[in-house]
């Protein structure tokens, strides 16, 4: 799922996204809650009308963002048993609060098709005791999210799907404990999250393996924050994940790192002088519009160095199409196998 944090996949319009094969995109509740405000988006007809995107949208709850954006300043975020009080990263001062009820209602007001439960995202390298505490809080909060979701859904003709999130860090016993709780809630989908998810594909695959045999076969499994490189997607697909998102493809594109299968890094650094006179396209085996239209590495190098806005569009299209093509290939192979 391409990430459109603030109701936009940076530098791309709807037609670009449709052209590269995006079926669903992700937006973030934390950012949209602060600006322009979920209630304002609702007044404007919801996210689909607001951003002119007629296809599915998933919103993250904001649980990860309230903690990660305040990681260097604990005064920015205070977690208690009922929710999180935080200061906006936009102005560093205005005070806001997320509870399971507020975060869930905000996502429903945005008009997302899939909404995520508000959770206590386990910090990196957390002890077993700290992880267990976050797990208990996450489970209690999930119960509150479900109440709000059911109450709102009863008033809607086409309510969103709510996904519960399995937490538990890198501890197999806690992952399994969390999986049992989320499975018993019988929600439309299941996600696996936490600081250990998304950072390293192999660790993510291991965390999925802790619980994979427990999970129902008829519900999607969403590995949150996965997809720095194309091989990351292959790794978690083989582990059992069905859905994934990551800001990396668009962020790397803007930083000059364009996906290519040959380097061990899986990308070319277009800022390097070696590309100044390179007439080849990024990847001759790629079917994205940037490559098939003949935009050369030399031209992209020039655009990047000149800080031209066109570079961001061409580079982002290539990186996202590479990721989506990777998923399409894995899907087709899975169908053939079946």
Protein backbone atom coordinates (compact mmCIF):
# COMPACT_ATOMS: atom_id res chain seq x y z
CA UNK A 1 0.00 0.00 0.00
CA UNK A 2 1.64 3.28 -1.07
CA UNK A 3 1.74 5.65 1.89
CA UNK A 4 -0.14 8.92 1.60
CA UNK A 5 0.45 10.15 5.14
CA UNK A 6 -1.26 13.54 4.79
CA UNK A 7 -3.86 12.42 2.23
CA UNK A 8 -1.32 12.52 -0.58
CA UNK A 9 1.33 10.16 -1.90
CA UNK A 10 4.05 12.76 -2.28
CA UNK A 11 4.38 14.16 -5.83
CA UNK A 12 1.75 11.83 -7.34
CA UNK A 13 -1.87 12.40 -8.36
CA UNK A 14 -4.66 9.85 -8.61
CA UNK A 15 -3.93 9.11 -12.28
CA UNK A 16 -0.28 8.39 -11.49
CA UNK A 17 -1.23 5.96 -8.74
CA UNK A 18 -3.79 4.18 -10.89
CA UNK A 19 -1.24 3.96 -13.70
CA UNK A 20 1.32 2.18 -11.53
CA UNK A 21 -1.27 -0.30 -10.27
CA UNK A 22 -2.05 0.91 -6.76
CA UNK A 23 -5.28 -0.68 -5.52
CA UNK A 24 -5.30 0.78 -2.01
CA UNK A 25 -3.36 3.54 -0.26
CA UNK A 26 -2.67 4.39 3.36
CA UNK A 27 -3.29 7.69 5.15
CA UNK A 28 -2.42 8.57 8.72
CA UNK A 29 -4.93 9.50 11.40
CA UNK A 30 -2.39 11.38 13.56
CA UNK A 31 -1.39 13.79 10.81
CA UNK A 32 -4.90 14.33 9.46
CA UNK A 33 -6.32 14.75 12.97
CA UNK A 34 -3.93 17.67 13.48
CA UNK A 35 -4.27 19.12 9.98
CA UNK A 36 -6.77 19.76 8.47
CA UNK A 37 -8.76 17.97 11.20
CA UNK A 38 -10.78 14.77 10.80
CA UNK A 39 -14.02 16.64 11.48
CA UNK A 40 -13.21 19.05 8.65
CA UNK A 41 -12.48 16.16 6.27
CA UNK A 42 -15.85 14.68 7.23
CA UNK A 43 -17.58 17.99 6.39
CA UNK A 44 -15.89 17.87 2.99
CA UNK A 45 -17.31 14.42 2.24
CA UNK A 46 -14.55 12.17 3.61
CA UNK A 47 -11.10 11.27 2.40
CA UNK A 48 -12.20 9.76 -0.90
CA UNK A 49 -13.80 12.99 -2.09
CA UNK A 50 -11.24 15.17 -0.36
CA UNK A 51 -8.27 13.62 -2.18
CA UNK A 52 -10.15 12.45 -5.28
CA UNK A 53 -9.32 8.79 -4.69
CA UNK A 54 -12.27 6.44 -5.42
CA UNK A 55 -10.43 3.29 -4.34
CA UNK A 56 -9.89 1.75 -0.88
CA UNK A 57 -8.08 3.67 1.87
CA UNK A 58 -6.60 2.35 5.10
CA UNK A 59 -5.83 4.69 7.99
CA UNK A 60 -3.27 4.04 10.70
CA UNK A 61 -4.61 4.93 14.14
CA UNK A 62 -1.75 7.25 15.08
CA UNK A 63 -0.61 5.10 18.00
CA UNK A 64 2.86 4.70 16.55
CA UNK A 65 3.20 8.37 15.54
CA UNK A 66 2.34 9.89 18.93
CA UNK A 67 5.27 7.96 20.37
CA UNK A 68 7.80 8.00 17.52
CA UNK A 69 7.47 11.73 16.83
CA UNK A 70 8.16 12.48 20.49
CA UNK A 71 10.97 9.95 20.97
CA UNK A 72 13.56 12.65 21.60
CA UNK A 73 11.38 14.65 23.99
CA UNK A 74 9.33 12.71 26.55
CA UNK A 75 7.47 15.91 27.42
CA UNK A 76 5.82 15.65 24.01
CA UNK A 77 3.99 12.43 24.88
CA UNK A 78 2.47 11.05 28.10
CA UNK A 79 0.94 7.57 28.09
CA UNK A 80 -1.59 6.60 30.73
CA UNK A 81 -3.99 3.71 31.14
CA UNK A 82 -6.76 5.43 29.19
CA UNK A 83 -4.84 6.97 26.30
CA UNK A 84 -2.04 9.30 25.22
CA UNK A 85 -1.71 13.04 25.73
CA UNK A 86 0.66 14.58 23.22
CA UNK A 87 1.88 17.86 21.82
CA UNK A 88 1.62 18.54 18.11
CA UNK A 89 4.87 18.17 16.20
CA UNK A 90 3.58 20.96 13.92
CA UNK A 91 3.88 23.67 16.53
CA UNK A 92 5.53 21.83 19.43
CA UNK A 93 3.09 23.27 21.90
CA UNK A 94 -0.61 22.63 21.30
CA UNK A 95 -1.91 19.83 23.48
CA UNK A 96 -4.01 16.96 22.12
CA UNK A 97 -5.24 13.60 23.30
CA UNK A 98 -5.94 10.21 21.74
CA UNK A 99 -7.97 7.56 23.52
CA UNK A 100 -9.16 4.39 21.80
CA UNK A 101 -12.54 6.05 21.38
CA UNK A 102 -11.16 9.32 19.95
CA UNK A 103 -8.69 7.61 17.59
CA UNK A 104 -11.33 5.21 16.27
CA UNK A 105 -13.98 7.89 15.79
CA UNK A 106 -11.46 10.13 14.05
CA UNK A 107 -10.69 7.41 11.50
CA UNK A 108 -14.38 6.78 10.94
CA UNK A 109 -14.92 10.52 10.44
CA UNK A 110 -12.15 10.48 7.84
CA UNK A 111 -14.16 7.88 5.95
CA UNK A 112 -11.49 5.18 5.66
CA UNK A 113 -12.43 1.72 4.41
CA UNK A 114 -10.07 -0.01 6.85
CA UNK A 115 -9.38 1.48 10.29
CA UNK A 116 -6.74 0.33 12.74
CA UNK A 117 -7.12 -0.20 16.46
CA UNK A 118 -5.34 2.29 18.72
CA UNK A 119 -2.45 0.48 20.38
CA UNK A 120 0.55 0.99 22.63
CA UNK A 121 3.38 0.40 20.18
CA UNK A 122 6.20 -1.38 22.01
CA UNK A 123 9.40 0.71 22.00
CA UNK A 124 12.63 -0.77 20.56
CA UNK A 125 14.55 -3.14 22.83
CA UNK A 126 11.80 -3.10 25.46
CA UNK A 127 12.12 -5.58 28.32
CA UNK A 128 9.70 -8.45 28.68
CA UNK A 129 7.99 -6.64 31.58
CA UNK A 130 7.60 -3.39 29.64
CA UNK A 131 6.34 -5.27 26.59
CA UNK A 132 3.80 -7.17 28.68
CA UNK A 133 2.53 -3.91 30.15
CA UNK A 134 2.10 -2.43 26.67
CA UNK A 135 0.40 -5.65 25.56
CA UNK A 136 -2.18 -5.55 28.33
CA UNK A 137 -2.89 -1.90 27.55
CA UNK A 138 -3.19 -2.65 23.83
CA UNK A 139 -5.72 -5.40 24.50
CA UNK A 140 -7.85 -3.22 26.78
CA UNK A 141 -7.73 -0.43 24.23
CA UNK A 142 -8.75 -2.83 21.46
CA UNK A 143 -11.91 -3.69 23.40
CA UNK A 144 -12.73 0.03 23.62
CA UNK A 145 -12.02 0.50 19.90
CA UNK A 146 -14.44 -2.32 19.10
CA UNK A 147 -17.21 -0.70 21.15
CA UNK A 148 -16.78 2.62 19.33
CA UNK A 149 -16.53 0.87 15.96
CA UNK A 150 -19.68 -1.19 16.52
CA UNK A 151 -21.61 1.83 17.75
CA UNK A 152 -20.65 3.89 14.70
CA UNK A 153 -21.09 0.99 12.28
CA UNK A 154 -24.68 0.51 13.34
CA UNK A 155 -25.40 3.98 11.94
CA UNK A 156 -23.67 3.43 8.58
CA UNK A 157 -24.79 1.56 5.47
CA UNK A 158 -21.19 0.76 4.49
CA UNK A 159 -19.11 0.74 7.69
CA UNK A 160 -15.31 0.38 7.65
CA UNK A 161 -13.46 -2.79 8.60
CA UNK A 162 -11.57 -2.70 11.91
CA UNK A 163 -8.26 -4.54 12.23
CA UNK A 164 -6.83 -5.56 15.60
CA UNK A 165 -3.06 -5.40 16.10
CA UNK A 166 -0.89 -8.18 17.50
CA UNK A 167 1.86 -6.76 19.70
CA UNK A 168 4.45 -8.50 21.90
CA UNK A 169 7.82 -7.31 20.64
CA UNK A 170 10.34 -10.06 19.94
CA UNK A 171 8.96 -12.35 22.65
CA UNK A 172 7.26 -15.49 21.24
CA UNK A 173 5.10 -16.04 24.33
CA UNK A 174 3.75 -12.48 24.23
CA UNK A 175 3.18 -12.58 20.47
CA UNK A 176 1.15 -15.76 20.90
CA UNK A 177 -0.76 -14.35 23.85
CA UNK A 178 -1.63 -11.28 21.82
CA UNK A 179 -2.58 -13.34 18.77
CA UNK A 180 -5.06 -15.37 20.84
CA UNK A 181 -6.70 -12.19 22.15
CA UNK A 182 -6.98 -10.55 18.72
CA UNK A 183 -8.24 -13.74 17.05
CA UNK A 184 -10.95 -14.13 19.72
CA UNK A 185 -12.20 -10.61 18.88
CA UNK A 186 -13.21 -11.97 15.44
CA UNK A 187 -12.50 -8.78 13.49
CA UNK A 188 -12.40 -8.43 9.67
CA UNK A 189 -8.58 -8.41 9.60
CA UNK A 190 -5.49 -8.84 11.73
CA UNK A 191 -2.29 -6.79 11.82
CA UNK A 192 1.07 -7.42 13.38
CA UNK A 193 2.89 -4.36 14.67
CA UNK A 194 5.49 -3.06 17.09
CA UNK A 195 8.98 -1.64 16.83
CA UNK A 196 10.37 -4.99 15.68
CA UNK A 197 8.08 -5.00 12.66
CA UNK A 198 9.24 -3.37 9.46
CA UNK A 199 12.80 -2.55 10.53
CA UNK A 200 14.33 -5.84 9.39
CA UNK A 201 12.42 -8.16 7.10
CA UNK A 202 13.93 -11.32 8.59
CA UNK A 203 12.93 -10.30 12.12
CA UNK A 204 9.47 -9.46 10.87
CA UNK A 205 9.19 -12.88 9.24
CA UNK A 206 10.26 -14.49 12.52
CA UNK A 207 7.63 -12.55 14.46
CA UNK A 208 4.98 -13.66 11.98
CA UNK A 209 6.22 -17.25 12.31
CA UNK A 210 5.57 -17.12 16.08
CA UNK A 211 1.83 -16.83 15.42
CA UNK A 212 1.20 -17.87 11.81
CA UNK A 213 -0.25 -21.31 12.59
CA UNK A 214 -2.67 -19.73 15.05
CA UNK A 215 -4.14 -17.24 12.58
CA UNK A 216 -7.36 -17.85 10.65
CA UNK A 217 -6.76 -18.60 6.97
CA UNK A 218 -9.71 -16.54 5.75
CA UNK A 219 -8.60 -13.17 7.11
CA UNK A 220 -5.90 -10.84 5.78
CA UNK A 221 -2.69 -10.42 7.75
CA UNK A 222 -1.23 -6.91 7.59
CA UNK A 223 2.50 -6.54 8.39
CA UNK A 224 2.72 -2.88 9.35
CA UNK A 225 5.60 -0.74 8.11
CA UNK A 226 7.22 -3.42 5.93
CA UNK A 227 8.85 -2.70 2.57
CA UNK A 228 12.18 -0.87 2.56
CA UNK A 229 13.33 -2.98 -0.39
CA UNK A 230 11.55 -5.32 -2.82
CA UNK A 231 13.14 -8.38 -1.18
CA UNK A 232 11.50 -7.34 2.11
CA UNK A 233 8.11 -7.89 0.52
CA UNK A 234 9.08 -11.31 -0.79
CA UNK A 235 10.30 -12.29 2.68
CA UNK A 236 7.09 -11.38 4.51
CA UNK A 237 4.83 -12.74 1.76
CA UNK A 238 6.54 -16.10 2.14
CA UNK A 239 6.07 -15.76 5.92
CA UNK A 240 2.31 -15.35 5.41
CA UNK A 241 1.60 -11.61 5.17
CA UNK A 242 -1.03 -10.33 2.73
CA UNK A 243 -0.78 -6.55 3.18
CA UNK A 244 2.09 -4.18 3.90
CA UNK A 245 3.01 -0.50 3.72
CA UNK A 246 6.15 1.54 4.12
CA UNK A 247 7.22 5.15 3.54
CA UNK A 248 10.59 3.93 2.24
CA UNK A 249 9.82 3.61 -1.51
CA UNK A 250 8.73 7.24 -1.80
CA UNK A 251 11.27 8.55 0.71
CA UNK A 252 14.18 6.73 -0.92
CA UNK A 253 13.08 8.04 -4.30
CA UNK A 254 13.22 11.62 -3.07
CA UNK A 255 16.71 10.96 -1.67
CA UNK A 256 18.03 9.70 -5.01
CA UNK A 257 17.84 5.98 -4.33
CA UNK A 258 16.11 4.18 -7.20
CA UNK A 259 15.28 0.49 -7.03
CA UNK A 260 17.36 -1.81 -9.21
CA UNK A 261 17.86 -5.58 -8.78
CA UNK A 262 21.63 -5.73 -9.28
CA UNK A 263 23.30 -3.88 -6.36
CA UNK A 264 23.21 -5.61 -2.98
CA UNK A 265 21.47 -2.51 -1.66
CA UNK A 266 18.72 -3.08 -4.29
CA UNK A 267 18.93 0.54 -5.46
CA UNK A 268 21.06 2.91 -7.53
CA UNK A 269 22.18 6.20 -6.01
CA UNK A 270 21.32 8.54 -8.86
CA UNK A 271 23.22 11.40 -7.21
CA UNK A 272 26.54 9.73 -8.06
CA UNK A 273 28.62 11.32 -10.83
CA UNK A 274 28.88 7.96 -12.63
CA UNK A 275 25.35 8.57 -13.98
CA UNK A 276 26.08 12.02 -15.44
CA UNK A 277 26.41 10.67 -19.00
CA UNK A 278 24.49 7.40 -18.56
CA UNK A 279 21.94 7.08 -21.37
CA UNK A 280 20.28 3.95 -19.98
CA UNK A 281 16.93 4.03 -18.17
CA UNK A 282 16.88 3.13 -14.48
CA UNK A 283 16.02 -0.52 -15.16
CA UNK A 284 15.46 -1.89 -18.66
CA UNK A 285 13.32 -4.67 -17.17
CA UNK A 286 10.92 -2.24 -15.49
CA UNK A 287 7.50 -1.47 -16.96
CA UNK A 288 6.93 1.81 -15.09
CA UNK A 289 6.16 4.91 -17.16
CA UNK A 290 9.47 6.51 -16.16
CA UNK A 291 11.47 3.64 -17.66
CA UNK A 292 9.23 2.85 -20.65
CA UNK A 293 9.07 6.52 -21.65
CA UNK A 294 12.85 6.57 -21.91
CA UNK A 295 13.89 8.96 -19.14
CA UNK A 296 17.62 8.34 -18.82
CA UNK A 297 19.73 8.01 -15.71
CA UNK A 298 21.67 11.05 -16.92
CA UNK A 299 18.48 13.12 -17.04
CA UNK A 300 17.34 11.93 -13.63
CA UNK A 301 20.81 12.68 -12.26
CA UNK A 302 20.53 16.20 -13.67
CA UNK A 303 17.02 16.72 -12.27
CA UNK A 304 18.11 15.50 -8.84
CA UNK A 305 21.17 17.73 -8.76
CA UNK A 306 19.16 20.72 -10.00
CA UNK A 307 16.45 20.00 -7.39
CA UNK A 308 13.79 20.04 -10.08
CA UNK A 309 10.31 18.97 -8.95
CA UNK A 310 9.85 16.65 -11.93
CA UNK A 311 12.52 14.38 -10.46
CA UNK A 312 10.32 13.51 -7.47
CA UNK A 313 7.45 12.37 -9.66
CA UNK A 314 9.54 10.27 -12.04
CA UNK A 315 11.55 8.66 -9.24
CA UNK A 316 8.51 7.94 -7.06
CA UNK A 317 6.62 6.32 -9.92
CA UNK A 318 9.56 4.00 -10.55
CA UNK A 319 10.03 2.95 -6.92
CA UNK A 320 6.35 2.35 -6.23
CA UNK A 321 5.83 0.47 -9.48
CA UNK A 322 8.81 -1.74 -8.64
CA UNK A 323 7.21 -2.63 -5.31
CA UNK A 324 3.77 -3.28 -6.79
CA UNK A 325 5.27 -5.34 -9.62
CA UNK A 326 7.11 -7.42 -7.00
CA UNK A 327 3.79 -8.17 -5.29
CA UNK A 328 2.11 -8.95 -8.63
CA UNK A 329 4.86 -11.45 -9.44
CA UNK A 330 4.56 -13.16 -6.06
CA UNK A 331 0.77 -13.30 -6.40
CA UNK A 332 0.92 -14.85 -9.87
CA UNK A 333 3.40 -17.47 -8.68
CA UNK A 334 1.17 -18.29 -5.72
CA UNK A 335 -1.82 -18.75 -8.03
CA UNK A 336 0.19 -21.05 -10.29
CA UNK A 337 1.29 -23.08 -7.26
CA UNK A 338 -2.28 -23.47 -6.04
